[in-house]
Amino acid sequence: MTITVRFWRRLANFEPDFNKRIEKKFSGGSAKECMAAIDDYCNHHDLAEYTTPEIINVED
């Protein structure tokens, strides 16, 4: 299973820079494993530099 999240780099005024989209994939044996990895990633995600990650795709 793979879950893909996306987020954008922020501009100096903290608005999203829609020209700088970032996607990150999290893979695991189950949805629970993928979501645990995403949760851990979000605990260290720099919200001053990037927007909040959002799930955009789930592949079984």
Protein backbone atom coordinates (compact mmCIF):
# COMPACT_ATOMS: atom_id res chain seq x y z
CA MET A 1 0.00 0.00 0.00
CA THR A 2 1.18 3.52 -0.78
CA ILE A 3 -0.29 6.83 0.34
CA THR A 4 0.81 10.04 -1.37
CA VAL A 5 0.67 13.45 0.31
CA ARG A 6 1.32 16.85 -1.21
CA PHE A 7 2.24 20.25 0.15
CA TRP A 8 3.76 23.49 -1.11
CA ARG A 9 6.74 25.57 -0.10
CA ARG A 10 5.73 28.90 1.47
CA LEU A 11 6.54 32.39 0.21
CA ALA A 12 8.09 35.01 2.50
CA ASN A 13 4.56 36.18 3.46
CA PHE A 14 3.64 32.56 4.43
CA GLU A 15 1.27 32.13 1.48
CA PRO A 16 1.69 28.90 -0.53
CA ASP A 17 3.98 29.10 -3.56
CA PHE A 18 1.86 27.12 -6.01
CA ASN A 19 4.87 26.83 -8.34
CA LYS A 20 6.70 24.71 -5.75
CA ARG A 21 4.53 21.64 -5.20
CA ILE A 22 6.07 18.73 -3.30
CA GLU A 23 4.74 15.15 -3.21
CA LYS A 24 5.91 12.50 -0.78
CA LYS A 25 4.99 8.80 -0.86
CA PHE A 26 4.65 6.57 2.21
CA SER A 27 4.61 2.80 1.68
CA GLY A 28 3.81 -0.03 4.05
CA GLY A 29 2.08 -3.34 4.37
CA SER A 30 -1.21 -1.77 5.50
CA ALA A 31 -3.02 1.55 5.75
CA LYS A 32 -2.22 1.58 9.47
CA GLU A 33 1.54 1.39 8.78
CA CYS A 34 1.36 4.12 6.13
CA MET A 35 -0.67 6.42 8.37
CA ALA A 36 1.76 5.86 11.25
CA ALA A 37 4.62 6.92 8.95
CA ILE A 38 2.65 9.99 7.80
CA ASP A 39 1.83 10.89 11.40
CA ASP A 40 5.51 10.65 12.36
CA TYR A 41 6.48 12.76 9.35
CA CYS A 42 3.88 15.42 10.23
CA ASN A 43 5.28 15.65 13.78
CA HIS A 44 8.53 16.96 12.26
CA HIS A 45 7.09 18.84 9.27
CA ASP A 46 8.16 22.52 9.29
CA LEU A 47 4.92 24.51 8.91
CA ALA A 48 6.85 27.77 8.70
CA GLU A 49 8.48 26.55 5.47
CA TYR A 50 5.76 24.27 4.02
CA THR A 51 1.95 24.06 3.99
CA THR A 52 0.16 21.26 5.81
CA PRO A 53 0.45 17.90 4.01
CA GLU A 54 -2.77 16.55 2.53
CA ILE A 55 -3.48 13.06 1.24
CA ILE A 56 -4.02 13.04 -2.51
CA ASN A 57 -3.77 9.35 -3.47
CA VAL A 58 -4.12 5.90 -1.92
CA GLU A 59 -2.90 2.82 -3.80
CA ASP A 60 -3.55 -0.69 -2.64
